Amino acid sequence: MTEPTTEQTEPRSVTEEQPEPQSVTTEQPEPQPTADEQPAPQPDPPAPPRRRTRAALRWTAAVLAFLSVGAGTAYAVVDRTRTDLPGLSTESDGRWRYPEIALPPLPPGAPRPLAGSNTGQNHYADLRALVLPAPEGAVPDPALKGDDGWLATSVFLAQYEKEDRAAFGQSLADNGLRHIAARGWTMPDGTRSRIFLLQFDTHALANRVLSKDVARYSTPYHALIGGHYAELDQSFPMNALVEGTARYPYDEVKPYGPEQLRQAYVLAGDVLAVVVQSRSGTAPAVPFQQTVVLQNQLLG
């Protein structure tokens, strides 16, 4: 166990802007999560509010631009109606160049996952098309390709310490895990990324797994291999959190050992996303925050 402590019917695009993870505000990022934006994962917490159905948004090419604000950073995520885009001329700060990302179309008549009419908050688009694509320069991880795009539960569980796999696997089965879509890659600098999308029958079941078996406010319930001690990443900005979703990022506690591992859990409707990044020595925060925010947008 980990111790010691804490998207219709037409495609749309997901945009990144300059890394300050979330919102062009100059406020210092507050510790995550906050009471207004997402509940702390406690037994059977209230479900996050659904978003109202709105006109299709189209985000431009995915290039999260980050802005330095004092000692912290915050994402600036802007839709195409924005005309004032401060900070676009800032120098590269380590963010990755992702391809333009279009959401897959929904089946005729199917609602968006967070629409008021979608009582189970189900994703009706192909889950495999909702996994964030790899950025430019990445080398794909064949181990996470799966069979026809679906990953075996045992491969997902193998990411965790051996002593945690049985209990976690039983929880996934008890709560009706339907399937897992995944993707992984390694960047030229050695940063390794792994994304897993776990889909359940309803939002309530996914939320139960999140709150009882995955994320506590201070620390994850189960330990990933290579990141035994992790705590809530208080420096992860909150402003780009998609309304109606929940997100819990964690960072490995020093000393890191051979590598530093970062992890985040995102709850969006009936899908629980797990994002993991690691690198020998230290793993930079900017691409991790960028990747988590983009995956959050795709699911929301």
C-alpha atoms as a PDB file:
ATOM      1  CA  MET A   1       0.000   0.000   0.000  1.00  0.00           C
ATOM      2  CA  THR A   2       1.175   3.488  -0.720  1.00  0.00           C
ATOM      3  CA  GLU A   3       2.260   5.497   2.210  1.00  0.00           C
ATOM      4  CA  PRO A   4       3.305   7.804   3.676  1.00  0.00           C
ATOM      5  CA  THR A   5       0.483  10.364   3.351  1.00  0.00           C
ATOM      6  CA  THR A   6      -1.773  12.180   0.247  1.00  0.00           C
ATOM      7  CA  GLU A   7     -16.983  13.618 -25.283  1.00  0.00           C
ATOM      8  CA  GLN A   8     -21.456  15.529 -30.464  1.00  0.00           C
ATOM      9  CA  THR A   9     -22.343  14.246 -33.310  1.00  0.00           C
ATOM     10  CA  GLU A  10     -19.512  16.102 -35.080  1.00  0.00           C
ATOM     11  CA  PRO A  11     -15.819  15.886 -34.215  1.00  0.00           C
ATOM     12  CA  ARG A  12     -14.253  18.650 -32.186  1.00  0.00           C
ATOM     13  CA  SER A  13     -10.697  19.460 -31.374  1.00  0.00           C
ATOM     14  CA  VAL A  14      -8.823  19.620 -28.120  1.00  0.00           C
ATOM     15  CA  THR A  15      -6.538  22.578 -27.646  1.00  0.00           C
ATOM     16  CA  GLU A  16      -3.628  23.291 -25.563  1.00  0.00           C
ATOM     17  CA  GLU A  17      -2.180  26.598 -24.902  1.00  0.00           C
ATOM     18  CA  GLN A  18       0.748  27.742 -22.885  1.00  0.00           C
ATOM     19  CA  PRO A  19       1.567  25.637 -19.904  1.00  0.00           C
ATOM     20  CA  GLU A  20       0.509  27.236 -16.804  1.00  0.00           C
ATOM     21  CA  PRO A  21      -1.715  24.402 -16.307  1.00  0.00           C
ATOM     22  CA  GLN A  22      -5.232  25.809 -16.399  1.00  0.00           C
ATOM     23  CA  SER A  23      -6.656  29.302 -16.827  1.00  0.00           C
ATOM     24  CA  VAL A  24      -4.841  32.401 -17.777  1.00  0.00           C
ATOM     25  CA  THR A  25      -5.386  33.822 -14.344  1.00  0.00           C
ATOM     26  CA  THR A  26      -2.396  35.052 -12.485  1.00  0.00           C
ATOM     27  CA  GLU A  27      -3.564  33.622  -9.227  1.00  0.00           C
ATOM     28  CA  GLN A  28      -1.318  31.160  -7.542  1.00  0.00           C
ATOM     29  CA  PRO A  29      -2.621  27.587  -8.023  1.00  0.00           C
ATOM     30  CA  GLU A  30      -4.466  26.326  -5.013  1.00  0.00           C
ATOM     31  CA  PRO A  31      -3.923  22.890  -3.523  1.00  0.00           C
ATOM     32  CA  GLN A  32      -5.887  20.162  -5.271  1.00  0.00           C
ATOM     33  CA  PRO A  33      -8.664  19.135  -4.905  1.00  0.00           C
ATOM     34  CA  THR A  34     -10.898  22.021  -3.735  1.00  0.00           C
ATOM     35  CA  ALA A  35     -14.368  21.789  -2.264  1.00  0.00           C
ATOM     36  CA  ASP A  36     -15.892  23.832  -5.097  1.00  0.00           C
ATOM     37  CA  GLU A  37     -14.420  21.837  -7.952  1.00  0.00           C
ATOM     38  CA  GLN A  38     -14.296  18.225  -6.773  1.00  0.00           C
ATOM     39  CA  PRO A  39     -14.963  16.293  -3.591  1.00  0.00           C
ATOM     40  CA  ALA A  40     -12.193  14.640  -1.675  1.00  0.00           C
ATOM     41  CA  PRO A  41     -12.413  10.889  -2.347  1.00  0.00           C
ATOM     42  CA  GLN A  42     -14.126   9.497   0.697  1.00  0.00           C
ATOM     43  CA  PRO A  43     -16.500   6.528   0.929  1.00  0.00           C
ATOM     44  CA  ASP A  44     -19.450   7.056  -1.416  1.00  0.00           C
ATOM     45  CA  PRO A  45     -18.892  10.812  -2.036  1.00  0.00           C
ATOM     46  CA  PRO A  46     -21.593  12.754  -3.893  1.00  0.00           C
ATOM     47  CA  ALA A  47     -21.292  12.492  -7.646  1.00  0.00           C
ATOM     48  CA  PRO A  48     -19.766  15.533  -9.373  1.00  0.00           C
ATOM     49  CA  PRO A  49     -22.290  17.835 -11.107  1.00  0.00           C
ATOM     50  CA  ARG A  50     -23.092  17.195 -14.752  1.00  0.00           C
ATOM     51  CA  ARG A  51     -22.370  19.835 -17.339  1.00  0.00           C
ATOM     52  CA  ARG A  52     -25.244  21.307 -19.294  1.00  0.00           C
ATOM     53  CA  THR A  53     -25.411  20.382 -22.952  1.00  0.00           C
ATOM     54  CA  ARG A  54     -23.937  23.199 -24.972  1.00  0.00           C
ATOM     55  CA  ALA A  55     -22.957  23.956 -28.558  1.00  0.00           C
ATOM     56  CA  ALA A  56     -20.061  21.934 -29.900  1.00  0.00           C
ATOM     57  CA  LEU A  57     -16.764  23.432 -28.945  1.00  0.00           C
ATOM     58  CA  ARG A  58     -13.762  23.185 -31.203  1.00  0.00           C
ATOM     59  CA  TRP A  59     -10.408  23.590 -29.619  1.00  0.00           C
ATOM     60  CA  THR A  60      -7.524  24.488 -31.902  1.00  0.00           C
ATOM     61  CA  ALA A  61      -4.318  22.461 -32.347  1.00  0.00           C
ATOM     62  CA  ALA A  62      -3.215  20.985 -29.061  1.00  0.00           C
ATOM     63  CA  VAL A  63      -0.380  23.129 -27.797  1.00  0.00           C
ATOM     64  CA  LEU A  64      -0.813  23.885 -24.062  1.00  0.00           C
ATOM     65  CA  ALA A  65       1.037  27.114 -23.419  1.00  0.00           C
ATOM     66  CA  PHE A  66       2.367  27.691 -19.998  1.00  0.00           C
ATOM     67  CA  LEU A  67       2.884  31.019 -18.282  1.00  0.00           C
ATOM     68  CA  SER A  68       5.173  31.553 -15.344  1.00  0.00           C
ATOM     69  CA  VAL A  69       3.364  33.036 -12.385  1.00  0.00           C
ATOM     70  CA  GLY A  70       5.673  33.556  -9.480  1.00  0.00           C
ATOM     71  CA  ALA A  71       6.874  30.182  -8.286  1.00  0.00           C
ATOM     72  CA  GLY A  72       3.888  28.291  -9.755  1.00  0.00           C
ATOM     73  CA  THR A  73       2.384  27.597 -13.183  1.00  0.00           C
ATOM     74  CA  ALA A  74      -1.201  27.284 -14.485  1.00  0.00           C
ATOM     75  CA  TYR A  75      -2.682  25.987 -17.723  1.00  0.00           C
ATOM     76  CA  ALA A  76      -4.337  28.354 -20.208  1.00  0.00           C
ATOM     77  CA  VAL A  77      -7.026  26.353 -21.998  1.00  0.00           C
ATOM     78  CA  VAL A  78      -9.043  28.502 -24.415  1.00  0.00           C
ATOM     79  CA  ASP A  79     -11.767  27.711 -26.948  1.00  0.00           C
ATOM     80  CA  ARG A  80     -11.892  29.180 -30.454  1.00  0.00           C
ATOM     81  CA  THR A  81     -13.994  32.164 -29.362  1.00  0.00           C
ATOM     82  CA  ARG A  82     -11.058  33.610 -27.455  1.00  0.00           C
ATOM     83  CA  THR A  83      -9.220  36.385 -29.236  1.00  0.00           C
ATOM     84  CA  ASP A  84      -6.927  37.538 -26.466  1.00  0.00           C
ATOM     85  CA  LEU A  85      -4.255  34.898 -26.026  1.00  0.00           C
ATOM     86  CA  PRO A  86      -1.555  36.293 -23.770  1.00  0.00           C
ATOM     87  CA  GLY A  87       1.682  34.448 -23.425  1.00  0.00           C
ATOM     88  CA  LEU A  88       1.819  32.781 -26.832  1.00  0.00           C
ATOM     89  CA  SER A  89       5.239  34.262 -27.481  1.00  0.00           C
ATOM     90  CA  THR A  90       6.852  32.739 -24.417  1.00  0.00           C
ATOM     91  CA  GLU A  91       9.803  30.472 -24.972  1.00  0.00           C
ATOM     92  CA  SER A  92       9.488  26.692 -24.856  1.00  0.00           C
ATOM     93  CA  ASP A  93       9.255  25.421 -21.314  1.00  0.00           C
ATOM     94  CA  GLY A  94       9.308  21.707 -22.005  1.00  0.00           C
ATOM     95  CA  ARG A  95       5.769  21.114 -23.213  1.00  0.00           C
ATOM     96  CA  TRP A  96       5.291  18.443 -25.879  1.00  0.00           C
ATOM     97  CA  ARG A  97       3.856  18.982 -29.371  1.00  0.00           C
ATOM     98  CA  TYR A  98       0.676  16.935 -29.600  1.00  0.00           C
ATOM     99  CA  PRO A  99      -1.172  16.439 -32.907  1.00  0.00           C
ATOM    100  CA  GLU A 100      -4.538  18.079 -33.528  1.00  0.00           C
ATOM    101  CA  ILE A 101      -7.047  15.962 -31.659  1.00  0.00           C
ATOM    102  CA  ALA A 102     -10.642  15.439 -32.835  1.00  0.00           C
ATOM    103  CA  LEU A 103     -13.252  13.727 -30.707  1.00  0.00           C
ATOM    104  CA  PRO A 104     -14.912  10.715 -32.346  1.00  0.00           C
ATOM    105  CA  PRO A 105     -18.575  11.145 -33.389  1.00  0.00           C
ATOM    106  CA  LEU A 106     -21.325   9.840 -31.160  1.00  0.00           C
ATOM    107  CA  PRO A 107     -23.857   7.269 -32.351  1.00  0.00           C
ATOM    108  CA  PRO A 108     -27.052   8.951 -33.644  1.00  0.00           C
ATOM    109  CA  GLY A 109     -29.127  10.236 -30.759  1.00  0.00           C
ATOM    110  CA  ALA A 110     -26.559   9.388 -28.102  1.00  0.00           C
ATOM    111  CA  PRO A 111     -25.953  12.109 -25.481  1.00  0.00           C
ATOM    112  CA  ARG A 112     -22.625  13.405 -24.303  1.00  0.00           C
ATOM    113  CA  PRO A 113     -21.338  11.753 -21.134  1.00  0.00           C
ATOM    114  CA  LEU A 114     -22.095  14.690 -18.862  1.00  0.00           C
ATOM    115  CA  ALA A 115     -25.414  15.736 -20.444  1.00  0.00           C
ATOM    116  CA  GLY A 116     -28.338  16.009 -18.053  1.00  0.00           C
ATOM    117  CA  SER A 117     -30.269  13.335 -19.945  1.00  0.00           C
ATOM    118  CA  ASN A 118     -27.410  10.848 -19.542  1.00  0.00           C
ATOM    119  CA  THR A 119     -28.224   9.512 -16.094  1.00  0.00           C
ATOM    120  CA  GLY A 120     -25.387   6.990 -16.061  1.00  0.00           C
ATOM    121  CA  GLN A 121     -22.943   9.558 -17.441  1.00  0.00           C
ATOM    122  CA  ASN A 122     -21.905   6.957 -20.019  1.00  0.00           C
ATOM    123  CA  HIS A 123     -19.400   7.505 -22.815  1.00  0.00           C
ATOM    124  CA  TYR A 124     -21.021   6.240 -26.048  1.00  0.00           C
ATOM    125  CA  ALA A 125     -18.030   7.020 -28.265  1.00  0.00           C
ATOM    126  CA  ASP A 126     -15.446   4.291 -28.812  1.00  0.00           C
ATOM    127  CA  LEU A 127     -13.277   4.393 -25.713  1.00  0.00           C
ATOM    128  CA  ARG A 128     -10.203   3.466 -27.768  1.00  0.00           C
ATOM    129  CA  ALA A 129     -10.619   6.718 -29.723  1.00  0.00           C
ATOM    130  CA  LEU A 130     -10.649   8.710 -26.486  1.00  0.00           C
ATOM    131  CA  VAL A 131      -7.134   7.787 -25.403  1.00  0.00           C
ATOM    132  CA  LEU A 132      -4.785  10.733 -25.856  1.00  0.00           C
ATOM    133  CA  PRO A 133      -2.484  10.200 -28.882  1.00  0.00           C
ATOM    134  CA  ALA A 134       1.267  10.253 -28.456  1.00  0.00           C
ATOM    135  CA  PRO A 135       3.115  13.528 -29.074  1.00  0.00           C
ATOM    136  CA  GLU A 136       5.665  14.125 -31.838  1.00  0.00           C
ATOM    137  CA  GLY A 137       8.916  12.220 -31.389  1.00  0.00           C
ATOM    138  CA  ALA A 138       7.410   9.512 -29.192  1.00  0.00           C
ATOM    139  CA  VAL A 139       8.241   5.828 -29.513  1.00  0.00           C
ATOM    140  CA  PRO A 140       5.092   3.719 -28.896  1.00  0.00           C
ATOM    141  CA  ASP A 141       5.045   1.118 -26.140  1.00  0.00           C
ATOM    142  CA  PRO A 142       3.932  -2.174 -27.788  1.00  0.00           C
ATOM    143  CA  ALA A 143       3.141  -3.709 -24.413  1.00  0.00           C
ATOM    144  CA  LEU A 144       0.145  -1.379 -24.064  1.00  0.00           C
ATOM    145  CA  LYS A 145      -1.257  -1.914 -27.570  1.00  0.00           C
ATOM    146  CA  GLY A 146      -3.536  -4.687 -26.330  1.00  0.00           C
ATOM    147  CA  ASP A 147      -5.703  -7.053 -28.369  1.00  0.00           C
ATOM    148  CA  ASP A 148      -7.634  -5.038 -30.985  1.00  0.00           C
ATOM    149  CA  GLY A 149      -7.036  -1.997 -28.816  1.00  0.00           C
ATOM    150  CA  TRP A 150      -8.352  -3.522 -25.591  1.00  0.00           C
ATOM    151  CA  LEU A 151      -5.922  -4.144 -22.775  1.00  0.00           C
ATOM    152  CA  ALA A 152      -6.153  -7.166 -20.495  1.00  0.00           C
ATOM    153  CA  THR A 153      -6.885  -6.292 -16.884  1.00  0.00           C
ATOM    154  CA  SER A 154      -3.837  -8.287 -15.819  1.00  0.00           C
ATOM    155  CA  VAL A 155      -1.560  -5.989 -17.863  1.00  0.00           C
ATOM    156  CA  PHE A 156      -3.021  -2.957 -16.112  1.00  0.00           C
ATOM    157  CA  LEU A 157      -2.682  -4.530 -12.688  1.00  0.00           C
ATOM    158  CA  ALA A 158       0.943  -5.424 -13.446  1.00  0.00           C
ATOM    159  CA  GLN A 159       1.721  -1.692 -13.176  1.00  0.00           C
ATOM    160  CA  TYR A 160       1.168  -1.963  -9.417  1.00  0.00           C
ATOM    161  CA  GLU A 161       3.120  -3.599  -6.632  1.00  0.00           C
ATOM    162  CA  LYS A 162       2.471  -7.344  -6.461  1.00  0.00           C
ATOM    163  CA  GLU A 163       0.893  -7.260  -3.026  1.00  0.00           C
ATOM    164  CA  ASP A 164      -1.745  -4.738  -4.192  1.00  0.00           C
ATOM    165  CA  ARG A 165      -2.900  -6.515  -7.358  1.00  0.00           C
ATOM    166  CA  ALA A 166      -5.317  -9.078  -5.933  1.00  0.00           C
ATOM    167  CA  ALA A 167      -7.364  -6.620  -3.871  1.00  0.00           C
ATOM    168  CA  PHE A 168      -7.416  -3.990  -6.601  1.00  0.00           C
ATOM    169  CA  GLY A 169      -8.359  -6.557  -9.254  1.00  0.00           C
ATOM    170  CA  GLN A 170     -11.199  -7.882  -7.116  1.00  0.00           C
ATOM    171  CA  SER A 171     -12.550  -4.364  -6.657  1.00  0.00           C
ATOM    172  CA  LEU A 172     -12.499  -3.772 -10.419  1.00  0.00           C
ATOM    173  CA  ALA A 173     -14.402  -7.015 -11.015  1.00  0.00           C
ATOM    174  CA  ASP A 174     -16.901  -6.377  -8.212  1.00  0.00           C
ATOM    175  CA  ASN A 175     -17.713  -2.942  -9.613  1.00  0.00           C
ATOM    176  CA  GLY A 176     -18.308  -4.151 -13.161  1.00  0.00           C
ATOM    177  CA  LEU A 177     -15.206  -3.098 -15.063  1.00  0.00           C
ATOM    178  CA  ARG A 178     -16.173  -3.436 -18.753  1.00  0.00           C
ATOM    179  CA  HIS A 179     -12.857  -2.942 -20.531  1.00  0.00           C
ATOM    180  CA  ILE A 180      -9.615  -0.987 -20.606  1.00  0.00           C
ATOM    181  CA  ALA A 181      -8.140   1.076 -23.436  1.00  0.00           C
ATOM    182  CA  ALA A 182      -4.529   2.160 -23.132  1.00  0.00           C
ATOM    183  CA  ARG A 183      -1.550   3.788 -24.820  1.00  0.00           C
ATOM    184  CA  GLY A 184       2.066   4.250 -23.852  1.00  0.00           C
ATOM    185  CA  TRP A 185       5.172   5.906 -25.288  1.00  0.00           C
ATOM    186  CA  THR A 186       8.686   7.042 -24.505  1.00  0.00           C
ATOM    187  CA  MET A 187      10.081  10.461 -25.441  1.00  0.00           C
ATOM    188  CA  PRO A 188      13.650  11.180 -26.625  1.00  0.00           C
ATOM    189  CA  ASP A 189      14.576  12.450 -23.164  1.00  0.00           C
ATOM    190  CA  GLY A 190      13.568   9.107 -21.656  1.00  0.00           C
ATOM    191  CA  THR A 191      10.258  10.204 -20.155  1.00  0.00           C
ATOM    192  CA  ARG A 192       7.893   7.248 -20.223  1.00  0.00           C
ATOM    193  CA  SER A 193       4.101   7.807 -20.345  1.00  0.00           C
ATOM    194  CA  ARG A 194       1.287   5.340 -19.739  1.00  0.00           C
ATOM    195  CA  ILE A 195      -2.444   6.107 -20.046  1.00  0.00           C
ATOM    196  CA  PHE A 196      -5.208   3.675 -19.067  1.00  0.00           C
ATOM    197  CA  LEU A 197      -8.941   4.321 -19.508  1.00  0.00           C
ATOM    198  CA  LEU A 198     -11.076   2.021 -17.348  1.00  0.00           C
ATOM    199  CA  GLN A 199     -14.768   2.000 -18.304  1.00  0.00           C
ATOM    200  CA  PHE A 200     -17.529   0.869 -15.954  1.00  0.00           C
ATOM    201  CA  ASP A 201     -21.288   0.429 -16.417  1.00  0.00           C
ATOM    202  CA  THR A 202     -22.138   3.738 -14.743  1.00  0.00           C
ATOM    203  CA  HIS A 203     -20.535   6.789 -13.233  1.00  0.00           C
ATOM    204  CA  ALA A 204     -21.579   5.653  -9.759  1.00  0.00           C
ATOM    205  CA  LEU A 205     -19.523   2.471 -10.062  1.00  0.00           C
ATOM    206  CA  ALA A 206     -16.483   4.297 -11.426  1.00  0.00           C
ATOM    207  CA  ASN A 207     -16.783   6.809  -8.599  1.00  0.00           C
ATOM    208  CA  ARG A 208     -16.945   4.011  -6.045  1.00  0.00           C
ATOM    209  CA  VAL A 209     -13.683   2.536  -7.307  1.00  0.00           C
ATOM    210  CA  LEU A 210     -12.055   5.972  -7.292  1.00  0.00           C
ATOM    211  CA  SER A 211     -13.099   6.778  -3.745  1.00  0.00           C
ATOM    212  CA  LYS A 212     -12.689   3.383  -2.110  1.00  0.00           C
ATOM    213  CA  ASP A 213      -9.789   1.797  -3.968  1.00  0.00           C
ATOM    214  CA  VAL A 214      -7.806   4.419  -5.888  1.00  0.00           C
ATOM    215  CA  ALA A 215      -7.492   7.949  -4.583  1.00  0.00           C
ATOM    216  CA  ARG A 216      -7.389   9.397  -1.145  1.00  0.00           C
ATOM    217  CA  TYR A 217      -6.774  13.087  -0.660  1.00  0.00           C
ATOM    218  CA  SER A 218      -3.306  12.557   0.722  1.00  0.00           C
ATOM    219  CA  THR A 219      -2.036   9.479  -1.100  1.00  0.00           C
ATOM    220  CA  PRO A 220      -3.148   6.731  -3.539  1.00  0.00           C
ATOM    221  CA  TYR A 221      -4.526   3.498  -2.094  1.00  0.00           C
ATOM    222  CA  HIS A 222      -2.307   1.244  -4.224  1.00  0.00           C
ATOM    223  CA  ALA A 223       1.369   1.582  -5.021  1.00  0.00           C
ATOM    224  CA  LEU A 224       2.658   1.741  -8.578  1.00  0.00           C
ATOM    225  CA  ILE A 225       5.920  -0.070  -9.241  1.00  0.00           C
ATOM    226  CA  GLY A 226       8.690   2.469  -8.956  1.00  0.00           C
ATOM    227  CA  GLY A 227       6.622   4.948  -6.963  1.00  0.00           C
ATOM    228  CA  HIS A 228       5.908   3.315  -3.635  1.00  0.00           C
ATOM    229  CA  TYR A 229       5.655   6.533  -1.645  1.00  0.00           C
ATOM    230  CA  ALA A 230       3.449   9.221  -3.227  1.00  0.00           C
ATOM    231  CA  GLU A 231       1.496  12.179  -1.958  1.00  0.00           C
ATOM    232  CA  LEU A 232      -1.001  14.677  -3.390  1.00  0.00           C
ATOM    233  CA  ASP A 233       0.740  17.112  -5.749  1.00  0.00           C
ATOM    234  CA  GLN A 234      -0.177  20.426  -4.172  1.00  0.00           C
ATOM    235  CA  SER A 235       1.558  22.325  -6.995  1.00  0.00           C
ATOM    236  CA  PHE A 236      -0.748  20.958  -9.736  1.00  0.00           C
ATOM    237  CA  PRO A 237      -2.963  23.907 -10.820  1.00  0.00           C
ATOM    238  CA  MET A 238      -6.718  23.482 -10.761  1.00  0.00           C
ATOM    239  CA  ASN A 239      -8.001  26.003 -13.316  1.00  0.00           C
ATOM    240  CA  ALA A 240      -8.241  23.709 -16.377  1.00  0.00           C
ATOM    241  CA  LEU A 241     -10.276  21.027 -14.625  1.00  0.00           C
ATOM    242  CA  VAL A 242     -13.255  20.127 -16.834  1.00  0.00           C
ATOM    243  CA  GLU A 243     -16.532  20.910 -15.079  1.00  0.00           C
ATOM    244  CA  GLY A 244     -18.246  17.780 -13.842  1.00  0.00           C
ATOM    245  CA  THR A 245     -15.041  15.747 -13.563  1.00  0.00           C
ATOM    246  CA  ALA A 246     -12.617  15.030 -10.747  1.00  0.00           C
ATOM    247  CA  ARG A 247      -8.823  14.820 -10.823  1.00  0.00           C
ATOM    248  CA  TYR A 248      -6.232  13.670  -8.301  1.00  0.00           C
ATOM    249  CA  PRO A 249      -2.522  14.107  -9.176  1.00  0.00           C
ATOM    250  CA  TYR A 250       0.243  12.631  -7.045  1.00  0.00           C
ATOM    251  CA  ASP A 251       4.008  12.977  -6.993  1.00  0.00           C
ATOM    252  CA  GLU A 252       6.577  10.591  -5.614  1.00  0.00           C
ATOM    253  CA  VAL A 253       8.039  11.521  -2.270  1.00  0.00           C
ATOM    254  CA  LYS A 254      11.762  12.250  -2.165  1.00  0.00           C
ATOM    255  CA  PRO A 255      14.170  10.574  -2.303  1.00  0.00           C
ATOM    256  CA  TYR A 256      13.009   9.197  -5.683  1.00  0.00           C
ATOM    257  CA  GLY A 257      15.455   6.378  -6.164  1.00  0.00           C
ATOM    258  CA  PRO A 258      16.457   5.507  -9.759  1.00  0.00           C
ATOM    259  CA  GLU A 259      13.578   7.516 -11.259  1.00  0.00           C
ATOM    260  CA  GLN A 260      10.825   9.943 -10.364  1.00  0.00           C
ATOM    261  CA  LEU A 261       7.243   8.823 -10.951  1.00  0.00           C
ATOM    262  CA  ARG A 262       4.176  11.057 -11.311  1.00  0.00           C
ATOM    263  CA  GLN A 263       0.600   9.736 -11.446  1.00  0.00           C
ATOM    264  CA  ALA A 264      -2.924  11.152 -11.797  1.00  0.00           C
ATOM    265  CA  TYR A 265      -6.456   9.744 -11.627  1.00  0.00           C
ATOM    266  CA  VAL A 266      -9.267  11.440 -13.587  1.00  0.00           C
ATOM    267  CA  LEU A 267     -12.943  10.574 -13.116  1.00  0.00           C
ATOM    268  CA  ALA A 268     -15.201  11.574 -16.047  1.00  0.00           C
ATOM    269  CA  GLY A 269     -18.602   9.914 -16.169  1.00  0.00           C
ATOM    270  CA  ASP A 270     -18.253   6.134 -16.369  1.00  0.00           C
ATOM    271  CA  VAL A 271     -14.513   6.301 -17.116  1.00  0.00           C
ATOM    272  CA  LEU A 272     -11.621   6.350 -14.690  1.00  0.00           C
ATOM    273  CA  ALA A 273      -8.364   7.448 -16.349  1.00  0.00           C
ATOM    274  CA  VAL A 274      -4.951   6.636 -14.949  1.00  0.00           C
ATOM    275  CA  VAL A 275      -1.994   8.700 -16.228  1.00  0.00           C
ATOM    276  CA  VAL A 276       1.549   7.745 -15.246  1.00  0.00           C
ATOM    277  CA  GLN A 277       4.839   9.414 -16.213  1.00  0.00           C
ATOM    278  CA  SER A 278       8.322   8.528 -15.055  1.00  0.00           C
ATOM    279  CA  ARG A 279      11.906   9.315 -15.971  1.00  0.00           C
ATOM    280  CA  SER A 280      15.316   8.376 -14.717  1.00  0.00           C
ATOM    281  CA  GLY A 281      16.493  11.009 -12.277  1.00  0.00           C
ATOM    282  CA  THR A 282      13.626  13.502 -12.310  1.00  0.00           C
ATOM    283  CA  ALA A 283      10.379  13.689 -14.324  1.00  0.00           C
ATOM    284  CA  PRO A 284       9.503  17.244 -15.466  1.00  0.00           C
ATOM    285  CA  ALA A 285       6.177  18.613 -14.256  1.00  0.00           C
ATOM    286  CA  VAL A 286       5.158  20.527 -17.412  1.00  0.00           C
ATOM    287  CA  PRO A 287       4.570  17.591 -19.807  1.00  0.00           C
ATOM    288  CA  PHE A 288       2.865  15.639 -17.037  1.00  0.00           C
ATOM    289  CA  GLN A 289       0.412  18.436 -16.320  1.00  0.00           C
ATOM    290  CA  GLN A 290      -0.057  18.986 -20.077  1.00  0.00           C
ATOM    291  CA  THR A 291      -0.857  15.306 -20.682  1.00  0.00           C
ATOM    292  CA  VAL A 292      -3.273  15.027 -17.763  1.00  0.00           C
ATOM    293  CA  VAL A 293      -5.190  18.168 -18.764  1.00  0.00           C
ATOM    294  CA  LEU A 294      -5.547  17.055 -22.400  1.00  0.00           C
ATOM    295  CA  GLN A 295      -6.792  13.611 -21.392  1.00  0.00           C
ATOM    296  CA  ASN A 296      -9.246  15.268 -19.010  1.00  0.00           C
ATOM    297  CA  GLN A 297     -10.557  17.409 -21.899  1.00  0.00           C
ATOM    298  CA  LEU A 298     -10.991  14.385 -24.169  1.00  0.00           C
ATOM    299  CA  LEU A 299     -13.092  12.579 -21.581  1.00  0.00           C
ATOM    300  CA  GLY A 300     -15.108  15.593 -20.433  1.00  0.00           C
END
